Amino acid sequence: MLDNRKKKILQAIVEEYIDTAEPVSSGNLVEELNCSSATIRNEMAELEKIGLLEKPHTSAGRIPSQKGYRYYIDELLRDDKLTIKEMQYIKSKLETTVNELEDLTKIATSTLSELTHYTTIAIGPKIENHTILDIKFVLLGSRVMMAIILTDSGIIREAIIKFDEDVTEEQIKKINYIFSNNMVGKPLDDIGGNIEEFITKEMQNNISIIKKIIEEINKIFKQNNDLFLEGANRSFDLPEFQQLDLVKNFMNVLDAKDLVSNVLNTGVAEDINVYIGDELQDEKLKDFSVVTFNHLLDDKDIGTIGIIGPKRMDYSKIISIMKYISKKLKEDYNNENKK
C-alpha cells in the first residue's frame, strides 16, 4: 500500500512520462505537487526501491516500470479523459447505418485509432455463439453450389462448395428442406456433429454430396475471423519506434495473426483488459502493451477490439474512449430495437 503522497507522485510521473516520453525529474513536479524538490526526490527513491519506478542510465529522471504501470492502471487511472468534441465525434461515427453487427466493430475500431493515434486491431464475433436464422443452398452450376448462413445478429457467412458429381435442382430442394428443419433456430455450438448423423440417414442416396456440404459448413463454423487493422502507420510517429529493432518486432507481431487473435480472445467479456509486457506471456510482445475489450449486445458477441503499442500508452485516454464507445453502442442498439 502506498500513502497518498506516493500515489500522487507516481500518478504524476506516469502521466508526465506518457505525455512527454522523457524521464521525469523532481523539478518537473514541484509546482504540480506543491512539495519541495528534496521531498519529491526522496519519495521517488522509495518508489524505485519497491520497483514502481526505474532510472534510465542516461538520465537523472525516472520512468514507470512495468509494475508501476500496473499499479497506475489498477489504482490511480481516471477514465473520464474525454472532451465534449471527442464525445460528439464518437457519437456521429457510431450513428452510421450498418447492415451487420460486424460492421459496428470495424467502425468502432477506426474511431478508436483516429482518436488515440495508436494501432487498433479488431476480430469479428465468434459465429458459433450465434443462432441460425436461415440457411440456404443455391445451385450455381451442375457441380457448384453456394451455402449461405444468416445468424440472429445479422452475420452472414457464405461458402462455395464444389462436387465431383452432378447435383440436380431436386437434390438442392431436399437439402434446403432438411438443413433448414434441423439447423434454423439453433445456436451453432449446439449443433455439433449431430448434423451428419441425421442428414445422412435422411439422404442415403446422396451420401457423398451431404458429407461434402457438412465438411464445408463445419469450416464456416470453425474458421478464424478475419483481423481488421487500423492505424499501423500512426504508431511509427511515436518516439519508441525510432528504434529499428522495435519497429521490426512490432511489424512481426502484426503479421502473426494467430498470436494477435489469441491476445484478443483472452480476457473477460465486457471487461476492459490491460496486458503489459511480460503479462502477455510471449517473448515477441515483451516490449508492448495491449488493451482489449469484447463487445456484447443482448449477450451477443459482436467482436473484440484491441489497441497495441508501447508500454508508454495513454491508458486513461484509451480506456475512456473504449467505455464511451461501449456505452453508445448499447444505447444505439437499444434505441433501434425499440422502434
Protein backbone atom coordinates (compact mmCIF):
# COMPACT_ATOMS: atom_id res chain seq x y z
CA MET A 1 0.00 0.00 0.00
CA LEU A 2 1.23 3.48 -0.86
CA ASP A 3 0.44 6.57 1.15
CA ASN A 4 -1.37 9.43 -0.59
CA ARG A 5 1.78 11.41 -1.36
CA LYS A 6 3.48 8.47 -3.02
CA LYS A 7 0.33 7.78 -5.02
CA LYS A 8 0.21 11.38 -6.25
CA ILE A 9 3.88 11.33 -7.17
CA LEU A 10 3.59 8.01 -9.02
CA GLN A 11 0.49 9.19 -10.88
CA ALA A 12 2.17 12.47 -11.82
CA ILE A 13 5.29 10.67 -13.08
CA VAL A 14 3.33 8.14 -15.16
CA GLU A 15 1.16 10.83 -16.75
CA GLU A 16 4.10 13.20 -17.35
CA TYR A 17 6.11 10.40 -18.97
CA ILE A 18 3.13 9.37 -21.15
CA ASP A 19 2.81 12.99 -22.33
CA THR A 20 6.49 13.74 -22.95
CA ALA A 21 8.30 10.38 -23.41
CA GLU A 22 11.09 11.94 -21.31
CA PRO A 23 12.28 10.70 -17.90
CA VAL A 24 10.70 12.77 -15.13
CA SER A 25 12.84 14.60 -12.57
CA SER A 26 11.75 16.01 -9.22
CA GLY A 27 11.98 19.52 -10.63
CA ASN A 28 9.21 18.71 -13.14
CA LEU A 29 6.78 18.00 -10.31
CA VAL A 30 7.46 20.74 -7.73
CA GLU A 31 4.78 23.13 -8.92
CA GLU A 32 2.16 20.45 -9.63
CA LEU A 33 2.54 18.66 -6.29
CA ASN A 34 3.33 21.69 -4.12
CA CYS A 35 6.24 19.85 -2.47
CA SER A 36 9.91 20.61 -2.24
CA SER A 37 12.26 19.07 -4.77
CA ALA A 38 14.08 17.22 -1.97
CA THR A 39 10.85 15.66 -0.68
CA ILE A 40 9.89 14.50 -4.15
CA ARG A 41 13.38 13.06 -4.74
CA ASN A 42 13.15 11.04 -1.52
CA GLU A 43 9.72 9.69 -2.44
CA MET A 44 10.91 8.84 -5.95
CA ALA A 45 13.83 6.90 -4.44
CA GLU A 46 11.36 4.94 -2.29
CA LEU A 47 9.15 4.20 -5.30
CA GLU A 48 12.22 2.99 -7.16
CA LYS A 49 13.18 0.70 -4.26
CA ILE A 50 9.82 -1.05 -4.34
CA GLY A 51 10.01 -1.48 -8.11
CA LEU A 52 7.40 1.04 -9.30
CA LEU A 53 9.92 3.37 -10.96
CA GLU A 54 13.10 2.82 -12.97
CA LYS A 55 16.07 5.08 -13.58
CA PRO A 56 17.40 5.09 -17.16
CA HIS A 57 21.19 5.02 -17.28
CA THR A 58 21.48 8.23 -19.25
CA SER A 59 19.16 10.37 -17.14
CA ALA A 60 18.68 11.63 -13.62
CA GLY A 61 14.93 11.31 -14.03
CA ARG A 62 12.68 8.30 -13.52
CA ILE A 63 10.25 6.39 -15.69
CA PRO A 64 7.50 3.94 -14.71
CA SER A 65 8.39 0.26 -14.55
CA GLN A 66 6.01 -2.44 -15.77
CA LYS A 67 4.96 -2.84 -12.14
CA GLY A 68 4.45 0.93 -11.90
CA TYR A 69 2.16 0.98 -14.93
CA ARG A 70 0.18 -1.90 -13.46
CA TYR A 71 -0.31 -0.07 -10.15
CA TYR A 72 -1.32 3.09 -12.01
CA ILE A 73 -3.91 1.23 -14.11
CA ASP A 74 -5.36 -0.71 -11.18
CA GLU A 75 -5.37 2.05 -8.56
CA LEU A 76 -4.85 5.54 -9.98
CA LEU A 77 -6.21 5.76 -13.53
CA ARG A 78 -9.07 8.14 -14.30
CA ASP A 79 -11.48 7.04 -17.03
CA ASP A 80 -13.12 10.39 -17.75
CA LYS A 81 -10.47 11.76 -20.09
CA LEU A 82 -12.76 12.75 -22.96
CA THR A 83 -13.58 16.16 -24.36
CA ILE A 84 -17.08 17.13 -25.50
CA LYS A 85 -15.72 17.36 -29.05
CA GLU A 86 -14.43 13.76 -28.86
CA MET A 87 -17.77 12.55 -27.49
CA GLN A 88 -19.61 14.25 -30.35
CA TYR A 89 -17.21 12.71 -32.87
CA ILE A 90 -17.73 9.21 -31.47
CA LYS A 91 -21.49 9.69 -31.48
CA SER A 92 -21.51 10.83 -35.13
CA LYS A 93 -19.34 7.90 -36.24
CA LEU A 94 -21.44 5.27 -34.46
CA GLU A 95 -24.70 6.63 -35.88
CA THR A 96 -23.67 5.29 -39.28
CA THR A 97 -26.26 2.82 -40.57
CA VAL A 98 -24.89 -0.71 -40.89
CA ASN A 99 -26.41 -3.95 -42.14
CA GLU A 100 -24.37 -6.26 -39.93
CA LEU A 101 -23.20 -6.02 -36.34
CA GLU A 102 -19.71 -6.93 -37.53
CA ASP A 103 -19.54 -3.54 -39.23
CA LEU A 104 -20.06 -1.80 -35.88
CA THR A 105 -16.83 -3.32 -34.62
CA LYS A 106 -14.95 -2.03 -37.68
CA ILE A 107 -16.38 1.47 -37.23
CA ALA A 108 -15.55 1.45 -33.52
CA THR A 109 -12.02 0.27 -34.32
CA SER A 110 -11.30 3.03 -36.83
CA THR A 111 -12.80 5.65 -34.47
CA LEU A 112 -10.59 4.46 -31.61
CA SER A 113 -7.48 4.64 -33.78
CA GLU A 114 -8.32 8.11 -35.05
CA LEU A 115 -8.78 9.49 -31.53
CA THR A 116 -5.84 7.76 -29.82
CA HIS A 117 -3.33 7.64 -32.72
CA TYR A 118 -2.44 4.06 -31.80
CA THR A 119 -2.72 0.87 -33.83
CA THR A 120 -6.08 -0.80 -33.32
CA ILE A 121 -6.92 -4.39 -34.17
CA ALA A 122 -10.34 -6.00 -34.20
CA ILE A 123 -11.54 -9.53 -34.61
CA GLY A 124 -15.10 -10.33 -35.59
CA PRO A 125 -17.57 -12.15 -33.37
CA LYS A 126 -17.36 -15.86 -32.71
CA ILE A 127 -20.08 -17.05 -35.03
CA GLU A 128 -20.56 -20.34 -33.15
CA ASN A 129 -22.16 -18.38 -30.28
CA HIS A 130 -25.00 -17.13 -32.51
CA THR A 131 -28.29 -18.69 -33.55
CA ILE A 132 -29.04 -19.61 -37.16
CA LEU A 133 -31.92 -17.61 -38.63
CA ASP A 134 -31.72 -19.03 -42.12
CA ILE A 135 -29.63 -21.40 -44.22
CA LYS A 136 -29.92 -21.71 -47.97
CA PHE A 137 -28.20 -23.63 -50.73
CA VAL A 138 -28.15 -22.30 -54.28
CA LEU A 139 -27.02 -24.30 -57.30
CA LEU A 140 -24.56 -22.23 -59.35
CA GLY A 141 -23.67 -24.95 -61.84
CA SER A 142 -24.04 -28.69 -62.26
CA ARG A 143 -21.25 -29.30 -59.74
CA VAL A 144 -21.04 -26.00 -57.83
CA MET A 145 -23.27 -24.81 -55.01
CA MET A 146 -23.30 -21.80 -52.66
CA ALA A 147 -24.20 -22.18 -48.98
CA ILE A 148 -25.44 -19.07 -47.19
CA ILE A 149 -25.90 -18.91 -43.41
CA LEU A 150 -27.58 -15.97 -41.65
CA THR A 151 -27.43 -15.59 -37.85
CA ASP A 152 -29.72 -13.72 -35.49
CA SER A 153 -27.19 -10.88 -35.14
CA GLY A 154 -27.11 -10.18 -38.87
CA ILE A 155 -23.85 -12.01 -39.53
CA ILE A 156 -23.74 -13.69 -42.93
CA ARG A 157 -21.32 -16.45 -43.91
CA GLU A 158 -21.00 -17.88 -47.39
CA ALA A 159 -19.15 -20.85 -48.87
CA ILE A 160 -18.74 -22.16 -52.40
CA ILE A 161 -18.96 -25.97 -52.46
CA LYS A 162 -17.65 -27.98 -55.40
CA PHE A 163 -18.59 -31.61 -56.06
CA ASP A 164 -17.10 -34.49 -58.03
CA GLU A 165 -20.51 -35.43 -59.43
CA ASP A 166 -23.51 -33.62 -60.85
CA VAL A 167 -26.10 -32.20 -58.45
CA THR A 168 -29.72 -31.62 -59.51
CA GLU A 169 -32.19 -28.90 -58.54
CA GLU A 170 -34.35 -31.60 -56.96
CA GLN A 171 -31.49 -32.60 -54.69
CA ILE A 172 -30.92 -28.96 -53.73
CA LYS A 173 -34.60 -28.60 -52.74
CA LYS A 174 -34.36 -31.62 -50.49
CA ILE A 175 -31.08 -30.42 -48.99
CA ASN A 176 -32.60 -26.99 -48.27
CA TYR A 177 -35.58 -28.60 -46.56
CA ILE A 178 -33.55 -30.94 -44.38
CA PHE A 179 -30.91 -28.42 -43.32
CA SER A 180 -33.49 -25.70 -42.60
CA ASN A 181 -35.61 -28.01 -40.45
CA ASN A 182 -32.63 -29.15 -38.40
CA MET A 183 -30.48 -26.03 -38.10
CA VAL A 184 -32.70 -22.93 -38.08
CA GLY A 185 -33.38 -21.64 -34.58
CA LYS A 186 -30.45 -23.44 -33.01
CA PRO A 187 -27.20 -21.97 -31.67
CA LEU A 188 -24.31 -23.02 -33.88
CA ASP A 189 -22.36 -24.51 -31.00
CA ASP A 190 -25.33 -26.73 -30.04
CA ILE A 191 -25.48 -28.43 -33.42
CA GLY A 192 -22.10 -30.13 -33.18
CA GLY A 193 -21.74 -33.44 -35.02
CA ASN A 194 -25.44 -34.30 -34.95
CA ILE A 195 -25.99 -32.82 -38.40
CA GLU A 196 -24.07 -35.54 -40.18
CA GLU A 197 -25.74 -38.41 -38.36
CA PHE A 198 -29.26 -37.17 -39.02
CA ILE A 199 -28.88 -35.95 -42.57
CA THR A 200 -27.00 -38.98 -43.83
CA LYS A 201 -29.91 -41.15 -42.65
CA GLU A 202 -32.37 -38.91 -44.48
CA MET A 203 -30.42 -38.91 -47.75
CA GLN A 204 -28.92 -42.35 -48.14
CA ASN A 205 -28.80 -41.90 -51.91
CA ASN A 206 -26.70 -38.73 -51.70
CA ILE A 207 -24.14 -39.54 -49.01
CA SER A 208 -21.14 -38.11 -50.84
CA ILE A 209 -22.94 -34.81 -51.55
CA ILE A 210 -24.12 -34.43 -47.94
CA LYS A 211 -20.71 -35.19 -46.48
CA LYS A 212 -19.14 -32.53 -48.68
CA ILE A 213 -21.72 -29.96 -47.58
CA ILE A 214 -21.22 -30.79 -43.91
CA GLU A 215 -17.46 -30.54 -44.32
CA GLU A 216 -17.75 -27.03 -45.80
CA ILE A 217 -20.30 -25.85 -43.22
CA ASN A 218 -18.04 -27.02 -40.41
CA LYS A 219 -15.27 -24.91 -41.94
CA ILE A 220 -17.58 -21.88 -41.80
CA PHE A 221 -18.29 -22.52 -38.12
CA LYS A 222 -14.68 -23.04 -37.17
CA GLN A 223 -12.98 -20.53 -39.42
CA ASN A 224 -10.80 -17.89 -37.80
CA ASN A 225 -12.39 -14.49 -38.04
CA ASP A 226 -10.53 -12.00 -40.20
CA LEU A 227 -8.49 -9.42 -38.35
CA PHE A 228 -9.23 -5.78 -39.04
CA LEU A 229 -6.21 -3.49 -38.65
CA GLU A 230 -6.33 0.30 -38.43
CA GLY A 231 -3.68 2.97 -37.91
CA ALA A 232 -0.47 0.92 -38.00
CA ASN A 233 1.31 3.87 -39.63
CA ARG A 234 0.35 6.14 -36.71
CA SER A 235 2.47 4.12 -34.30
CA PHE A 236 5.64 4.91 -36.22
CA ASP A 237 5.38 8.55 -35.15
CA LEU A 238 5.91 7.55 -31.50
CA PRO A 239 9.41 8.12 -30.04
CA GLU A 240 9.78 4.42 -29.13
CA PHE A 241 9.60 3.49 -32.79
CA GLN A 242 12.78 5.36 -33.60
CA GLN A 243 14.47 2.08 -32.60
CA LEU A 244 14.73 -0.15 -35.67
CA ASP A 245 14.60 -3.40 -33.65
CA LEU A 246 11.34 -2.35 -32.02
CA VAL A 247 9.80 -1.45 -35.38
CA LYS A 248 10.74 -4.87 -36.81
CA ASN A 249 9.35 -6.62 -33.76
CA PHE A 250 6.14 -4.61 -33.98
CA MET A 251 5.64 -5.50 -37.65
CA ASN A 252 6.30 -9.17 -36.91
CA VAL A 253 3.66 -9.10 -34.19
CA LEU A 254 1.08 -7.56 -36.54
CA ASP A 255 1.89 -10.21 -39.16
CA ALA A 256 1.43 -13.05 -36.64
CA LYS A 257 -2.35 -13.38 -36.93
CA ASP A 258 -2.62 -16.37 -34.60
CA LEU A 259 -0.69 -14.50 -31.91
CA VAL A 260 -2.87 -11.41 -32.23
CA SER A 261 -6.07 -13.47 -32.27
CA ASN A 262 -5.03 -15.27 -29.09
CA VAL A 263 -4.40 -11.97 -27.32
CA LEU A 264 -7.74 -10.53 -28.43
CA ASN A 265 -9.60 -13.66 -27.34
CA THR A 266 -8.06 -13.55 -23.85
CA GLY A 267 -9.85 -11.76 -21.05
CA VAL A 268 -13.29 -11.38 -19.58
CA ALA A 269 -16.19 -10.39 -21.84
CA GLU A 270 -17.39 -6.83 -21.33
CA ASP A 271 -14.36 -6.03 -19.20
CA ILE A 272 -11.54 -3.84 -20.44
CA ASN A 273 -8.39 -5.91 -20.13
CA VAL A 274 -4.90 -4.40 -20.00
CA TYR A 275 -1.79 -6.51 -20.54
CA ILE A 276 1.67 -5.01 -20.11
CA GLY A 277 4.90 -6.52 -21.44
CA ASP A 278 5.63 -9.84 -19.76
CA GLU A 279 1.97 -10.22 -18.76
CA LEU A 280 1.31 -11.14 -22.39
CA GLN A 281 3.45 -14.26 -21.87
CA ASP A 282 5.08 -14.13 -25.26
CA GLU A 283 8.64 -13.00 -25.94
CA LYS A 284 7.54 -11.16 -29.09
CA LEU A 285 5.22 -8.94 -27.02
CA LYS A 286 7.50 -8.12 -24.09
CA ASP A 287 8.06 -4.51 -25.24
CA PHE A 288 4.38 -3.75 -25.83
CA SER A 289 1.08 -3.28 -24.09
CA VAL A 290 -2.32 -4.44 -25.31
CA VAL A 291 -5.72 -3.13 -24.20
CA THR A 292 -8.73 -5.22 -25.26
CA PHE A 293 -12.48 -5.03 -24.99
CA ASN A 294 -15.08 -7.59 -26.06
CA HIS A 295 -18.44 -6.08 -27.02
CA LEU A 296 -21.69 -7.78 -26.15
CA LEU A 297 -25.10 -6.58 -27.31
CA ASP A 298 -28.03 -8.54 -25.90
CA ASP A 299 -25.49 -11.18 -24.84
CA LYS A 300 -24.36 -11.48 -28.48
CA ASP A 301 -20.67 -11.22 -29.22
CA ILE A 302 -20.08 -8.53 -31.85
CA GLY A 303 -16.32 -8.74 -31.79
CA THR A 304 -13.24 -7.72 -29.83
CA ILE A 305 -11.20 -4.55 -30.22
CA GLY A 306 -7.61 -4.24 -29.11
CA ILE A 307 -5.02 -1.49 -29.08
CA ILE A 308 -1.36 -2.43 -29.30
CA GLY A 309 1.51 -0.07 -28.70
CA PRO A 310 4.48 0.69 -26.45
CA LYS A 311 4.16 0.39 -22.68
CA ARG A 312 4.10 4.20 -22.58
CA MET A 313 0.46 4.30 -23.67
CA ASP A 314 -2.14 6.88 -22.73
CA TYR A 315 -4.16 4.26 -20.85
CA SER A 316 -6.52 6.85 -19.42
CA LYS A 317 -7.48 8.15 -22.86
CA ILE A 318 -7.81 4.67 -24.37
CA ILE A 319 -10.00 3.31 -21.58
CA SER A 320 -12.14 6.47 -21.50
CA ILE A 321 -12.83 6.12 -25.23
CA MET A 322 -13.48 2.38 -25.02
CA LYS A 323 -16.01 2.88 -22.24
CA TYR A 324 -17.78 5.67 -24.10
CA ILE A 325 -17.91 3.66 -27.34
CA SER A 326 -19.36 0.71 -25.44
CA LYS A 327 -21.98 2.94 -23.81
CA LYS A 328 -23.01 4.50 -27.15
CA LEU A 329 -23.18 1.12 -28.92
CA LYS A 330 -25.57 -0.18 -26.27
CA GLU A 331 -27.69 2.98 -26.34
CA ASP A 332 -27.97 2.97 -30.13
CA TYR A 333 -28.71 -0.76 -30.21
CA ASN A 334 -31.44 -0.49 -27.58
CA ASN A 335 -33.00 2.55 -29.26
CA GLU A 336 -33.04 0.75 -32.61
CA ASN A 337 -34.76 -2.28 -31.10
CA LYS A 338 -37.48 -0.11 -29.53
CA LYS A 339 -38.61 1.18 -32.94
